[in-house]
Amino acid sequence: MKVDIQQHDLVPKHEVISESEKKLLQQNSDFDVNNLPKIKITDPVVKELISNGSEISAGDVLRITRNSKTAGEFVSYRIVIEG
């Protein structure tokens, strides 16, 4: 039996952003996208996204959306690296 780890309550929503969203993120922020926190392509959530049909490679950016009782919705970004 295969379990989709993204359906677990403790795993926040991960999604690949498009190249246009990546450029917009770069333009609207005071940091270089390449300096984002990193997530390995071998991370279990990334592997699950790939097995569900997402095309992910090194250099892509993931948007991670967490729900918080105190902060509401919190969005962070990670850049995918080999590993």
PDB file of N, CA and C in Angstrom:
ATOM      1  N   MET A   1       0.835  -1.177   0.000  1.00  0.00           N
ATOM      2  CA  MET A   1       0.000   0.000   0.000  1.00  0.00           C
ATOM      3  C   MET A   1       0.885   1.247   0.000  1.00  0.00           C
ATOM      4  N   LYS A   2       0.683   2.113  -0.972  1.00  0.00           N
ATOM      5  CA  LYS A   2       1.469   3.331  -1.086  1.00  0.00           C
ATOM      6  C   LYS A   2       0.737   4.479  -0.393  1.00  0.00           C
ATOM      7  N   VAL A   3       1.481   5.230   0.410  1.00  0.00           N
ATOM      8  CA  VAL A   3       0.909   6.357   1.140  1.00  0.00           C
ATOM      9  C   VAL A   3       1.423   7.655   0.521  1.00  0.00           C
ATOM     10  N   ASP A   4       0.509   8.575   0.271  1.00  0.00           N
ATOM     11  CA  ASP A   4       0.883   9.896  -0.250  1.00  0.00           C
ATOM     12  C   ASP A   4       1.260  10.768   0.938  1.00  0.00           C
ATOM     13  N   ILE A   5       2.564  11.034   1.100  1.00  0.00           N
ATOM     14  CA  ILE A   5       3.020  11.773   2.274  1.00  0.00           C
ATOM     15  C   ILE A   5       2.516  13.209   2.287  1.00  0.00           C
ATOM     16  N   GLN A   6       2.111  13.724   1.148  1.00  0.00           N
ATOM     17  CA  GLN A   6       1.603  15.094   1.110  1.00  0.00           C
ATOM     18  C   GLN A   6       0.211  15.202   1.731  1.00  0.00           C
ATOM     19  N   GLN A   7      -0.429  14.089   1.974  1.00  0.00           N
ATOM     20  CA  GLN A   7      -1.748  14.103   2.604  1.00  0.00           C
ATOM     21  C   GLN A   7      -1.646  14.081   4.124  1.00  0.00           C
ATOM     22  N   HIS A   8      -0.429  13.945   4.657  1.00  0.00           N
ATOM     23  CA  HIS A   8      -0.233  13.919   6.105  1.00  0.00           C
ATOM     24  C   HIS A   8      -0.411  15.318   6.678  1.00  0.00           C
ATOM     25  N   ASP A   9      -1.007  15.409   7.860  1.00  0.00           N
ATOM     26  CA  ASP A   9      -1.290  16.700   8.491  1.00  0.00           C
ATOM     27  C   ASP A   9      -0.048  17.523   8.770  1.00  0.00           C
ATOM     28  N   LEU A  10       1.088  16.880   9.003  1.00  0.00           N
ATOM     29  CA  LEU A  10       2.298  17.601   9.368  1.00  0.00           C
ATOM     30  C   LEU A  10       3.150  18.030   8.178  1.00  0.00           C
ATOM     31  N   VAL A  11       2.758  17.630   6.974  1.00  0.00           N
ATOM     32  CA  VAL A  11       3.528  17.988   5.772  1.00  0.00           C
ATOM     33  C   VAL A  11       2.818  19.145   5.074  1.00  0.00           C
ATOM     34  N   PRO A  12       3.490  20.310   4.987  1.00  0.00           N
ATOM     35  CA  PRO A  12       2.843  21.455   4.331  1.00  0.00           C
ATOM     36  C   PRO A  12       2.741  21.243   2.815  1.00  0.00           C
ATOM     37  N   LYS A  13       1.909  22.045   2.186  1.00  0.00           N
ATOM     38  CA  LYS A  13       1.708  21.954   0.735  1.00  0.00           C
ATOM     39  C   LYS A  13       2.964  22.425   0.010  1.00  0.00           C
ATOM     40  N   HIS A  14       3.472  21.592  -0.896  1.00  0.00           N
ATOM     41  CA  HIS A  14       4.633  21.916  -1.728  1.00  0.00           C
ATOM     42  C   HIS A  14       4.159  21.974  -3.174  1.00  0.00           C
ATOM     43  N   GLU A  15       4.595  23.003  -3.907  1.00  0.00           N
ATOM     44  CA  GLU A  15       4.263  23.074  -5.330  1.00  0.00           C
ATOM     45  C   GLU A  15       5.383  23.785  -6.083  1.00  0.00           C
ATOM     46  N   VAL A  16       5.603  23.346  -7.314  1.00  0.00           N
ATOM     47  CA  VAL A  16       6.629  23.946  -8.165  1.00  0.00           C
ATOM     48  C   VAL A  16       6.067  25.236  -8.736  1.00  0.00           C
ATOM     49  N   ILE A  17       6.872  26.312  -8.709  1.00  0.00           N
ATOM     50  CA  ILE A  17       6.415  27.552  -9.324  1.00  0.00           C
ATOM     51  C   ILE A  17       6.944  27.616 -10.760  1.00  0.00           C
ATOM     52  N   SER A  18       6.235  28.340 -11.585  1.00  0.00           N
ATOM     53  CA  SER A  18       6.619  28.471 -12.997  1.00  0.00           C
ATOM     54  C   SER A  18       7.820  29.401 -13.138  1.00  0.00           C
ATOM     55  N   GLU A  19       8.410  29.403 -14.307  1.00  0.00           N
ATOM     56  CA  GLU A  19       9.542  30.292 -14.575  1.00  0.00           C
ATOM     57  C   GLU A  19       9.127  31.759 -14.461  1.00  0.00           C
ATOM     58  N   SER A  20       7.902  32.080 -14.901  1.00  0.00           N
ATOM     59  CA  SER A  20       7.443  33.470 -14.801  1.00  0.00           C
ATOM     60  C   SER A  20       7.251  33.870 -13.333  1.00  0.00           C
ATOM     61  N   GLU A  21       6.747  32.954 -12.513  1.00  0.00           N
ATOM     62  CA  GLU A  21       6.621  33.235 -11.075  1.00  0.00           C
ATOM     63  C   GLU A  21       7.997  33.377 -10.427  1.00  0.00           C
ATOM     64  N   LYS A  22       8.944  32.580 -10.895  1.00  0.00           N
ATOM     65  CA  LYS A  22      10.314  32.645 -10.378  1.00  0.00           C
ATOM     66  C   LYS A  22      10.933  34.008 -10.700  1.00  0.00           C
ATOM     67  N   LYS A  23      10.721  34.495 -11.924  1.00  0.00           N
ATOM     68  CA  LYS A  23      11.245  35.812 -12.313  1.00  0.00           C
ATOM     69  C   LYS A  23      10.572  36.919 -11.508  1.00  0.00           C
ATOM     70  N   LEU A  24       9.262  36.796 -11.291  1.00  0.00           N
ATOM     71  CA  LEU A  24       8.528  37.780 -10.508  1.00  0.00           C
ATOM     72  C   LEU A  24       9.021  37.790  -9.051  1.00  0.00           C
ATOM     73  N   LEU A  25       9.272  36.621  -8.500  1.00  0.00           N
ATOM     74  CA  LEU A  25       9.824  36.519  -7.145  1.00  0.00           C
ATOM     75  C   LEU A  25      11.177  37.227  -7.076  1.00  0.00           C
ATOM     76  N   GLN A  26      11.996  37.025  -8.088  1.00  0.00           N
ATOM     77  CA  GLN A  26      13.321  37.650  -8.148  1.00  0.00           C
ATOM     78  C   GLN A  26      13.199  39.176  -8.212  1.00  0.00           C
ATOM     79  N   GLN A  27      12.271  39.666  -9.014  1.00  0.00           N
ATOM     80  CA  GLN A  27      12.105  41.108  -9.188  1.00  0.00           C
ATOM     81  C   GLN A  27      11.547  41.789  -7.936  1.00  0.00           C
ATOM     82  N   ASN A  28      10.670  41.089  -7.235  1.00  0.00           N
ATOM     83  CA  ASN A  28       9.988  41.693  -6.091  1.00  0.00           C
ATOM     84  C   ASN A  28      10.674  41.445  -4.755  1.00  0.00           C
ATOM     85  N   SER A  29      11.872  40.920  -4.775  1.00  0.00           N
ATOM     86  CA  SER A  29      12.569  40.657  -3.522  1.00  0.00           C
ATOM     87  C   SER A  29      13.968  41.232  -3.562  1.00  0.00           C
ATOM     88  N   ASP A  30      14.526  41.394  -2.393  1.00  0.00           N
ATOM     89  CA  ASP A  30      15.857  41.983  -2.301  1.00  0.00           C
ATOM     90  C   ASP A  30      16.937  40.920  -2.130  1.00  0.00           C
ATOM     91  N   PHE A  31      16.682  39.732  -2.632  1.00  0.00           N
ATOM     92  CA  PHE A  31      17.657  38.643  -2.566  1.00  0.00           C
ATOM     93  C   PHE A  31      17.694  37.908  -3.897  1.00  0.00           C
ATOM     94  N   ASP A  32      18.760  37.171  -4.083  1.00  0.00           N
ATOM     95  CA  ASP A  32      18.913  36.356  -5.290  1.00  0.00           C
ATOM     96  C   ASP A  32      18.209  35.022  -5.060  1.00  0.00           C
ATOM     97  N   VAL A  33      17.421  34.578  -6.009  1.00  0.00           N
ATOM     98  CA  VAL A  33      16.693  33.311  -5.882  1.00  0.00           C
ATOM     99  C   VAL A  33      17.658  32.157  -5.600  1.00  0.00           C
ATOM    100  N   ASN A  34      18.881  32.235  -6.130  1.00  0.00           N
ATOM    101  CA  ASN A  34      19.854  31.166  -5.897  1.00  0.00           C
ATOM    102  C   ASN A  34      20.316  31.099  -4.446  1.00  0.00           C
ATOM    103  N   ASN A  35      19.997  32.118  -3.648  1.00  0.00           N
ATOM    104  CA  ASN A  35      20.361  32.120  -2.239  1.00  0.00           C
ATOM    105  C   ASN A  35      19.221  31.655  -1.329  1.00  0.00           C
ATOM    106  N   LEU A  36      18.146  31.150  -1.925  1.00  0.00           N
ATOM    107  CA  LEU A  36      17.047  30.600  -1.133  1.00  0.00           C
ATOM    108  C   LEU A  36      17.530  29.377  -0.357  1.00  0.00           C
ATOM    109  N   PRO A  37      16.833  29.027   0.731  1.00  0.00           N
ATOM    110  CA  PRO A  37      17.141  27.750   1.386  1.00  0.00           C
ATOM    111  C   PRO A  37      16.992  26.625   0.373  1.00  0.00           C
ATOM    112  N   LYS A  38      17.720  25.568   0.562  1.00  0.00           N
ATOM    113  CA  LYS A  38      17.773  24.494  -0.428  1.00  0.00           C
ATOM    114  C   LYS A  38      16.955  23.280   0.011  1.00  0.00           C
ATOM    115  N   ILE A  39      16.485  22.533  -0.984  1.00  0.00           N
ATOM    116  CA  ILE A  39      15.830  21.255  -0.757  1.00  0.00           C
ATOM    117  C   ILE A  39      16.388  20.288  -1.787  1.00  0.00           C
ATOM    118  N   LYS A  40      16.811  19.127  -1.338  1.00  0.00           N
ATOM    119  CA  LYS A  40      17.421  18.155  -2.254  1.00  0.00           C
ATOM    120  C   LYS A  40      16.359  17.493  -3.124  1.00  0.00           C
ATOM    121  N   ILE A  41      16.762  17.143  -4.331  1.00  0.00           N
ATOM    122  CA  ILE A  41      15.854  16.467  -5.257  1.00  0.00           C
ATOM    123  C   ILE A  41      15.501  15.073  -4.735  1.00  0.00           C
ATOM    124  N   THR A  42      16.298  14.584  -3.775  1.00  0.00           N
ATOM    125  CA  THR A  42      16.037  13.277  -3.168  1.00  0.00           C
ATOM    126  C   THR A  42      15.156  13.374  -1.930  1.00  0.00           C
ATOM    127  N   ASP A  43      14.706  14.586  -1.575  1.00  0.00           N
ATOM    128  CA  ASP A  43      13.806  14.758  -0.435  1.00  0.00           C
ATOM    129  C   ASP A  43      12.524  13.964  -0.704  1.00  0.00           C
ATOM    130  N   PRO A  44      11.973  13.300   0.308  1.00  0.00           N
ATOM    131  CA  PRO A  44      10.773  12.484   0.083  1.00  0.00           C
ATOM    132  C   PRO A  44       9.594  13.241  -0.533  1.00  0.00           C
ATOM    133  N   VAL A  45       9.387  14.483  -0.164  1.00  0.00           N
ATOM    134  CA  VAL A  45       8.272  15.246  -0.746  1.00  0.00           C
ATOM    135  C   VAL A  45       8.543  15.549  -2.213  1.00  0.00           C
ATOM    136  N   VAL A  46       9.769  15.899  -2.554  1.00  0.00           N
ATOM    137  CA  VAL A  46      10.121  16.165  -3.950  1.00  0.00           C
ATOM    138  C   VAL A  46       9.960  14.889  -4.774  1.00  0.00           C
ATOM    139  N   LYS A  47      10.417  13.770  -4.242  1.00  0.00           N
ATOM    140  CA  LYS A  47      10.256  12.491  -4.949  1.00  0.00           C
ATOM    141  C   LYS A  47       8.785  12.154  -5.155  1.00  0.00           C
ATOM    142  N   GLU A  48       7.946  12.483  -4.174  1.00  0.00           N
ATOM    143  CA  GLU A  48       6.507  12.242  -4.293  1.00  0.00           C
ATOM    144  C   GLU A  48       5.904  13.132  -5.382  1.00  0.00           C
ATOM    145  N   LEU A  49       6.317  14.398  -5.444  1.00  0.00           N
ATOM    146  CA  LEU A  49       5.838  15.297  -6.496  1.00  0.00           C
ATOM    147  C   LEU A  49       6.210  14.764  -7.878  1.00  0.00           C
ATOM    148  N   ILE A  50       7.449  14.278  -8.001  1.00  0.00           N
ATOM    149  CA  ILE A  50       7.909  13.724  -9.281  1.00  0.00           C
ATOM    150  C   ILE A  50       7.087  12.501  -9.657  1.00  0.00           C
ATOM    151  N   SER A  51       6.833  11.628  -8.684  1.00  0.00           N
ATOM    152  CA  SER A  51       6.069  10.408  -8.985  1.00  0.00           C
ATOM    153  C   SER A  51       4.612  10.731  -9.326  1.00  0.00           C
ATOM    154  N   ASN A  52       4.138  11.910  -8.906  1.00  0.00           N
ATOM    155  CA  ASN A  52       2.769  12.327  -9.240  1.00  0.00           C
ATOM    156  C   ASN A  52       2.701  13.138 -10.530  1.00  0.00           C
ATOM    157  N   GLY A  53       3.816  13.205 -11.269  1.00  0.00           N
ATOM    158  CA  GLY A  53       3.792  13.820 -12.592  1.00  0.00           C
ATOM    159  C   GLY A  53       4.439  15.187 -12.713  1.00  0.00           C
ATOM    160  N   SER A  54       4.906  15.762 -11.613  1.00  0.00           N
ATOM    161  CA  SER A  54       5.578  17.068 -11.702  1.00  0.00           C
ATOM    162  C   SER A  54       6.976  16.887 -12.273  1.00  0.00           C
ATOM    163  N   GLU A  55       7.336  17.764 -13.194  1.00  0.00           N
ATOM    164  CA  GLU A  55       8.699  17.735 -13.736  1.00  0.00           C
ATOM    165  C   GLU A  55       9.536  18.682 -12.894  1.00  0.00           C
ATOM    166  N   ILE A  56      10.464  18.128 -12.129  1.00  0.00           N
ATOM    167  CA  ILE A  56      11.295  18.917 -11.230  1.00  0.00           C
ATOM    168  C   ILE A  56      12.751  18.602 -11.517  1.00  0.00           C
ATOM    169  N   SER A  57      13.555  19.658 -11.600  1.00  0.00           N
ATOM    170  CA  SER A  57      14.993  19.483 -11.781  1.00  0.00           C
ATOM    171  C   SER A  57      15.717  20.518 -10.930  1.00  0.00           C
ATOM    172  N   ALA A  58      17.023  20.348 -10.809  1.00  0.00           N
ATOM    173  CA  ALA A  58      17.825  21.290 -10.032  1.00  0.00           C
ATOM    174  C   ALA A  58      17.629  22.698 -10.577  1.00  0.00           C
ATOM    175  N   GLY A  59      17.468  23.664  -9.685  1.00  0.00           N
ATOM    176  CA  GLY A  59      17.245  25.047 -10.081  1.00  0.00           C
ATOM    177  C   GLY A  59      15.792  25.469 -10.018  1.00  0.00           C
ATOM    178  N   ASP A  60      14.872  24.498  -9.974  1.00  0.00           N
ATOM    179  CA  ASP A  60      13.456  24.833  -9.828  1.00  0.00           C
ATOM    180  C   ASP A  60      13.212  25.337  -8.411  1.00  0.00           C
ATOM    181  N   VAL A  61      12.137  26.088  -8.245  1.00  0.00           N
ATOM    182  CA  VAL A  61      11.790  26.645  -6.942  1.00  0.00           C
ATOM    183  C   VAL A  61      10.444  26.072  -6.498  1.00  0.00           C
ATOM    184  N   LEU A  62      10.382  25.649  -5.234  1.00  0.00           N
ATOM    185  CA  LEU A  62       9.142  25.147  -4.654  1.00  0.00           C
ATOM    186  C   LEU A  62       8.553  26.203  -3.727  1.00  0.00           C
ATOM    187  N   ARG A  63       7.241  26.366  -3.797  1.00  0.00           N
ATOM    188  CA  ARG A  63       6.521  27.218  -2.849  1.00  0.00           C
ATOM    189  C   ARG A  63       5.955  26.270  -1.779  1.00  0.00           C
ATOM    190  N   ILE A  64       6.237  26.574  -0.524  1.00  0.00           N
ATOM    191  CA  ILE A  64       5.766  25.751   0.587  1.00  0.00           C
ATOM    192  C   ILE A  64       4.796  26.605   1.396  1.00  0.00           C
ATOM    193  N   THR A  65       3.554  26.140   1.492  1.00  0.00           N
ATOM    194  CA  THR A  65       2.512  26.882   2.185  1.00  0.00           C
ATOM    195  C   THR A  65       2.143  26.152   3.467  1.00  0.00           C
ATOM    196  N   ARG A  66       2.367  26.832   4.583  1.00  0.00           N
ATOM    197  CA  ARG A  66       2.061  26.260   5.890  1.00  0.00           C
ATOM    198  C   ARG A  66       0.883  27.014   6.500  1.00  0.00           C
ATOM    199  N   ASN A  67       0.030  26.277   7.190  1.00  0.00           N
ATOM    200  CA  ASN A  67      -1.051  26.898   7.945  1.00  0.00           C
ATOM    201  C   ASN A  67      -0.628  26.974   9.400  1.00  0.00           C
ATOM    202  N   SER A  68      -0.814  28.144   9.989  1.00  0.00           N
ATOM    203  CA  SER A  68      -0.404  28.393  11.361  1.00  0.00           C
ATOM    204  C   SER A  68      -1.578  28.947  12.151  1.00  0.00           C
ATOM    205  N   LYS A  69      -1.743  28.476  13.374  1.00  0.00           N
ATOM    206  CA  LYS A  69      -2.818  28.994  14.219  1.00  0.00           C
ATOM    207  C   LYS A  69      -2.589  30.454  14.570  1.00  0.00           C
ATOM    208  N   THR A  70      -1.335  30.870  14.660  1.00  0.00           N
ATOM    209  CA  THR A  70      -1.035  32.242  15.056  1.00  0.00           C
ATOM    210  C   THR A  70      -0.790  33.171  13.868  1.00  0.00           C
ATOM    211  N   ALA A  71      -0.170  32.670  12.812  1.00  0.00           N
ATOM    212  CA  ALA A  71       0.197  33.527  11.678  1.00  0.00           C
ATOM    213  C   ALA A  71      -0.736  33.377  10.482  1.00  0.00           C
ATOM    214  N   GLY A  72      -1.689  32.477  10.571  1.00  0.00           N
ATOM    215  CA  GLY A  72      -2.553  32.223   9.419  1.00  0.00           C
ATOM    216  C   GLY A  72      -1.813  31.375   8.395  1.00  0.00           C
ATOM    217  N   GLU A  73      -1.699  31.876   7.180  1.00  0.00           N
ATOM    218  CA  GLU A  73      -0.986  31.151   6.125  1.00  0.00           C
ATOM    219  C   GLU A  73       0.408  31.753   5.966  1.00  0.00           C
ATOM    220  N   PHE A  74       1.422  30.899   5.948  1.00  0.00           N
ATOM    221  CA  PHE A  74       2.807  31.343   5.819  1.00  0.00           C
ATOM    222  C   PHE A  74       3.415  30.663   4.600  1.00  0.00           C
ATOM    223  N   VAL A  75       3.982  31.462   3.682  1.00  0.00           N
ATOM    224  CA  VAL A  75       4.564  30.931   2.449  1.00  0.00           C
ATOM    225  C   VAL A  75       6.074  31.099   2.501  1.00  0.00           C
ATOM    226  N   SER A  76       6.786  30.030   2.165  1.00  0.00           N
ATOM    227  CA  SER A  76       8.244  30.097   2.046  1.00  0.00           C
ATOM    228  C   SER A  76       8.642  29.435   0.730  1.00  0.00           C
ATOM    229  N   TYR A  77       9.881  29.625   0.337  1.00  0.00           N
ATOM    230  CA  TYR A  77      10.365  29.089  -0.936  1.00  0.00           C
ATOM    231  C   TYR A  77      11.654  28.323  -0.708  1.00  0.00           C
ATOM    232  N   ARG A  78      11.885  27.285  -1.512  1.00  0.00           N
ATOM    233  CA  ARG A  78      13.108  26.494  -1.475  1.00  0.00           C
ATOM    234  C   ARG A  78      13.556  26.262  -2.904  1.00  0.00           C
ATOM    235  N   ILE A  79      14.874  26.287  -3.131  1.00  0.00           N
ATOM    236  CA  ILE A  79      15.405  25.978  -4.451  1.00  0.00           C
ATOM    237  C   ILE A  79      15.872  24.519  -4.440  1.00  0.00           C
ATOM    238  N   VAL A  80      15.539  23.802  -5.501  1.00  0.00           N
ATOM    239  CA  VAL A  80      15.875  22.384  -5.613  1.00  0.00           C
ATOM    240  C   VAL A  80      17.323  22.239  -6.044  1.00  0.00           C
ATOM    241  N   ILE A  81      18.051  21.360  -5.350  1.00  0.00           N
ATOM    242  CA  ILE A  81      19.456  21.071  -5.696  1.00  0.00           C
ATOM    243  C   ILE A  81      19.620  19.571  -5.898  1.00  0.00           C
ATOM    244  N   GLU A  82      20.680  19.192  -6.585  1.00  0.00           N
ATOM    245  CA  GLU A  82      21.017  17.771  -6.731  1.00  0.00           C
ATOM    246  C   GLU A  82      21.409  17.225  -5.372  1.00  0.00           C
ATOM    247  N   GLY A  83      21.217  15.959  -5.196  1.00  0.00           N
ATOM    248  CA  GLY A  83      21.664  15.411  -3.921  1.00  0.00           C
ATOM    249  C   GLY A  83      21.074  14.126  -3.647  1.00  0.00           C
TER     250      GLY A  83
END
